Every structure is written in C-alpha cells, then in structure tokens.
Amino acid sequence: MEIYQLLKQGFSKATIAKKLNISRTTLYNYLKRSPRDRCLSRPEVCRRLID
C-alpha cells in the first residue's frame, strides 16, 4: 500500500494525507482497521490508496 511505503520513507501522517488527498481522520481510521476491513468498507478510498 502506498501509505505504508510513504511511512517507511519517513513522511508524516499529515503529509501523507495531503499527498493522497484524504483527511487525516480517514488516514488514521484506515491504519486502525484490519487489512480485510479496509477495502470492504470504503472501496473508493482503497482504490486511491493502492493506485
């Protein structure tokens, strides 16, 4: 996932949210969920995060 790649590169969560054009709340909620739940609940966000 792009989020994890950016985290490994040292980007802050706020910067990642800006880069992906999602809210920080969405980012934090995404990181809290299990991998299976992430794409089931919000497929449109998951597509943006994967691309």
N, C-alpha and C. Protein backbone atom coordinates (compact mmCIF):
# COMPACT_ATOMS: atom_id res chain seq x y z
N MET A 1 0.84 -1.18 0.00
CA MET A 1 0.00 0.00 0.00
C MET A 1 0.88 1.24 0.00
N GLU A 2 0.41 2.23 -0.65
CA GLU A 2 1.17 3.46 -0.76
C GLU A 2 1.37 4.12 0.60
N ILE A 3 0.40 4.04 1.46
CA ILE A 3 0.52 4.66 2.79
C ILE A 3 1.73 4.10 3.52
N TYR A 4 1.86 2.78 3.51
CA TYR A 4 2.95 2.16 4.23
C TYR A 4 4.30 2.48 3.60
N GLN A 5 4.34 2.60 2.30
CA GLN A 5 5.58 2.99 1.62
C GLN A 5 5.99 4.40 2.04
N LEU A 6 5.03 5.30 2.09
CA LEU A 6 5.32 6.68 2.48
C LEU A 6 5.75 6.77 3.94
N LEU A 7 5.11 5.97 4.80
CA LEU A 7 5.51 5.94 6.21
C LEU A 7 6.95 5.46 6.34
N LYS A 8 7.30 4.41 5.60
CA LYS A 8 8.67 3.88 5.64
C LYS A 8 9.67 4.90 5.15
N GLN A 9 9.25 5.76 4.23
CA GLN A 9 10.13 6.80 3.71
C GLN A 9 10.27 7.97 4.66
N GLY A 10 9.49 7.95 5.75
CA GLY A 10 9.63 8.98 6.77
C GLY A 10 8.63 10.13 6.70
N PHE A 11 7.66 10.03 5.81
CA PHE A 11 6.66 11.09 5.71
C PHE A 11 5.74 11.05 6.93
N SER A 12 5.31 12.21 7.38
CA SER A 12 4.36 12.27 8.50
C SER A 12 2.98 11.86 8.00
N LYS A 13 2.12 11.50 8.92
CA LYS A 13 0.76 11.10 8.56
C LYS A 13 0.01 12.28 7.94
N ALA A 14 0.24 13.47 8.45
CA ALA A 14 -0.43 14.66 7.89
C ALA A 14 0.02 14.88 6.45
N THR A 15 1.30 14.71 6.18
CA THR A 15 1.81 14.89 4.82
C THR A 15 1.26 13.82 3.90
N ILE A 16 1.18 12.60 4.38
CA ILE A 16 0.63 11.51 3.57
C ILE A 16 -0.82 11.79 3.22
N ALA A 17 -1.59 12.23 4.19
CA ALA A 17 -3.00 12.55 3.93
C ALA A 17 -3.12 13.63 2.85
N LYS A 18 -2.28 14.64 2.93
CA LYS A 18 -2.30 15.70 1.92
C LYS A 18 -1.92 15.16 0.55
N LYS A 19 -0.88 14.34 0.50
CA LYS A 19 -0.42 13.78 -0.78
C LYS A 19 -1.51 12.92 -1.43
N LEU A 20 -2.26 12.19 -0.62
CA LEU A 20 -3.28 11.29 -1.13
C LEU A 20 -4.66 11.95 -1.24
N ASN A 21 -4.73 13.20 -0.84
CA ASN A 21 -5.97 13.96 -0.91
C ASN A 21 -7.09 13.30 -0.09
N ILE A 22 -6.73 12.88 1.12
CA ILE A 22 -7.71 12.33 2.06
C ILE A 22 -7.53 13.06 3.39
N SER A 23 -8.52 12.99 4.24
CA SER A 23 -8.41 13.66 5.53
C SER A 23 -7.49 12.86 6.45
N ARG A 24 -6.92 13.53 7.44
CA ARG A 24 -6.10 12.83 8.43
C ARG A 24 -6.94 11.81 9.18
N THR A 25 -8.20 12.15 9.44
CA THR A 25 -9.09 11.23 10.14
C THR A 25 -9.25 9.94 9.33
N THR A 26 -9.45 10.05 8.03
CA THR A 26 -9.57 8.88 7.17
C THR A 26 -8.29 8.06 7.22
N LEU A 27 -7.15 8.71 7.18
CA LEU A 27 -5.88 8.01 7.24
C LEU A 27 -5.73 7.25 8.55
N TYR A 28 -6.00 7.90 9.66
CA TYR A 28 -5.88 7.24 10.96
C TYR A 28 -6.86 6.09 11.08
N ASN A 29 -8.09 6.28 10.61
CA ASN A 29 -9.08 5.20 10.65
C ASN A 29 -8.63 4.03 9.78
N TYR A 30 -8.06 4.33 8.63
CA TYR A 30 -7.55 3.29 7.74
C TYR A 30 -6.46 2.48 8.43
N LEU A 31 -5.56 3.14 9.10
CA LEU A 31 -4.44 2.46 9.75
C LEU A 31 -4.90 1.61 10.94
N LYS A 32 -6.01 1.97 11.56
CA LYS A 32 -6.53 1.22 12.70
C LYS A 32 -7.21 -0.08 12.29
N ARG A 33 -7.74 -0.13 11.09
CA ARG A 33 -8.54 -1.28 10.65
C ARG A 33 -7.66 -2.45 10.22
N SER A 34 -8.28 -3.62 10.23
CA SER A 34 -7.59 -4.80 9.71
C SER A 34 -7.53 -4.66 8.18
N PRO A 35 -6.56 -5.30 7.56
CA PRO A 35 -6.44 -5.18 6.09
C PRO A 35 -7.72 -5.57 5.34
N ARG A 36 -8.41 -6.60 5.79
CA ARG A 36 -9.63 -7.04 5.12
C ARG A 36 -10.72 -5.97 5.21
N ASP A 37 -10.87 -5.36 6.36
CA ASP A 37 -11.92 -4.36 6.57
C ASP A 37 -11.65 -3.07 5.81
N ARG A 38 -10.41 -2.78 5.55
CA ARG A 38 -10.06 -1.50 4.90
C ARG A 38 -10.74 -1.34 3.56
N CYS A 39 -10.67 -2.36 2.73
CA CYS A 39 -11.22 -2.23 1.38
C CYS A 39 -12.71 -2.56 1.31
N LEU A 40 -13.22 -3.29 2.27
CA LEU A 40 -14.64 -3.64 2.24
C LEU A 40 -15.52 -2.45 2.59
N SER A 41 -15.07 -1.63 3.52
CA SER A 41 -15.93 -0.55 3.98
C SER A 41 -15.90 0.69 3.08
N ARG A 42 -14.75 0.98 2.49
CA ARG A 42 -14.62 2.18 1.65
C ARG A 42 -13.80 1.86 0.40
N PRO A 43 -14.36 1.12 -0.54
CA PRO A 43 -13.58 0.71 -1.71
C PRO A 43 -13.03 1.89 -2.52
N GLU A 44 -13.76 3.00 -2.54
CA GLU A 44 -13.28 4.15 -3.33
C GLU A 44 -12.01 4.74 -2.72
N VAL A 45 -11.90 4.73 -1.40
CA VAL A 45 -10.68 5.21 -0.74
C VAL A 45 -9.57 4.19 -0.95
N CYS A 46 -9.89 2.94 -0.84
CA CYS A 46 -8.90 1.89 -1.02
C CYS A 46 -8.28 1.97 -2.41
N ARG A 47 -9.09 2.19 -3.41
CA ARG A 47 -8.56 2.33 -4.79
C ARG A 47 -7.57 3.48 -4.87
N ARG A 48 -7.90 4.61 -4.25
CA ARG A 48 -6.99 5.77 -4.27
C ARG A 48 -5.69 5.46 -3.55
N LEU A 49 -5.77 4.71 -2.47
CA LEU A 49 -4.59 4.43 -1.69
C LEU A 49 -3.69 3.41 -2.37
N ILE A 50 -4.28 2.51 -3.13
CA ILE A 50 -3.50 1.48 -3.82
C ILE A 50 -2.84 2.05 -5.06
N ASP A 51 -3.55 2.88 -5.80
CA ASP A 51 -3.02 3.41 -7.07
C ASP A 51 -1.79 4.24 -6.93
